[in-house]
Amino acid sequence: MRFETTKQQKNMRDDVRGFIERYSQRDYQRELDKKELFPHDLWDKLADMGPSVLVSMKNTGDPAVI
């Protein structure tokens, strides 16, 4: 069995990481984590990236784990 990440998965991961770096500061992310809050203000922007990112979030809770 091979458990390698596909090119499509790597591209999606990189896109999501880039999105987070562009739209969310680390201090903001840490504060949300600390308060156990979800960043609803980023949801619509993230949704524009496509349904596969949202499905991944629903299944794993982390869009970067693809």
Protein backbone atom coordinates (compact mmCIF):
# COMPACT_ATOMS: atom_id res chain seq x y z
CA MET A 1 0.00 0.00 0.00
CA ARG A 2 1.20 3.48 -0.84
CA PHE A 3 0.14 6.45 1.25
CA GLU A 4 1.64 9.25 -0.77
CA THR A 5 -0.01 12.61 -1.12
CA THR A 6 -1.26 13.23 -4.66
CA LYS A 7 -0.38 16.36 -6.60
CA GLN A 8 -4.00 17.53 -6.28
CA GLN A 9 -3.90 17.07 -2.51
CA LYS A 10 -0.60 18.95 -2.27
CA ASN A 11 -2.00 21.79 -4.35
CA MET A 12 -5.10 22.02 -2.16
CA ARG A 13 -2.98 21.95 1.00
CA ASP A 14 -0.76 24.72 -0.35
CA ASP A 15 -3.81 26.78 -1.39
CA VAL A 16 -5.35 26.51 2.08
CA ARG A 17 -2.07 27.36 3.79
CA GLY A 18 -1.67 30.37 1.50
CA PHE A 19 -5.22 31.45 2.28
CA ILE A 20 -4.59 31.29 6.03
CA GLU A 21 -1.33 33.20 5.70
CA ARG A 22 -3.05 35.91 3.63
CA TYR A 23 -6.26 36.37 5.60
CA SER A 24 -5.46 35.40 9.17
CA GLN A 25 -2.71 36.63 11.46
CA ARG A 26 -1.08 34.15 13.87
CA ASP A 27 -2.16 36.16 16.93
CA TYR A 28 -5.76 36.04 15.69
CA GLN A 29 -5.51 32.27 15.13
CA ARG A 30 -4.05 31.72 18.60
CA GLU A 31 -6.77 33.83 20.22
CA LEU A 32 -9.48 31.82 18.45
CA ASP A 33 -7.80 28.60 19.54
CA LYS A 34 -7.53 29.78 23.12
CA LYS A 35 -11.21 30.76 23.22
CA GLU A 36 -12.23 27.67 21.20
CA LEU A 37 -13.96 29.82 18.61
CA PHE A 38 -14.48 29.25 14.90
CA PRO A 39 -13.44 32.04 12.48
CA HIS A 40 -16.85 32.63 10.90
CA ASP A 41 -15.55 35.81 9.25
CA LEU A 42 -13.24 33.68 7.08
CA TRP A 43 -15.79 31.01 6.19
CA ASP A 44 -17.21 32.71 3.07
CA LYS A 45 -13.73 33.44 1.74
CA LEU A 46 -12.71 29.84 2.35
CA ALA A 47 -15.87 28.57 0.68
CA ASP A 48 -14.85 30.42 -2.48
CA MET A 49 -11.91 28.03 -2.75
CA GLY A 50 -14.30 25.21 -3.58
CA PRO A 51 -16.42 22.48 -2.03
CA SER A 52 -13.57 19.99 -1.56
CA VAL A 53 -11.95 22.24 1.05
CA LEU A 54 -15.21 22.48 2.97
CA VAL A 55 -15.78 18.72 2.82
CA SER A 56 -12.29 18.20 4.18
CA MET A 57 -13.01 20.60 7.04
CA LYS A 58 -16.21 18.75 7.86
CA ASN A 59 -14.46 15.37 7.93
CA THR A 60 -11.23 16.28 9.65
CA GLY A 61 -11.85 19.61 11.36
CA ASP A 62 -8.70 20.94 9.73
CA PRO A 63 -8.62 22.07 6.11
CA ALA A 64 -4.84 21.62 6.00
CA VAL A 65 -5.10 17.88 6.71
CA ILE A 66 -5.84 16.62 3.23
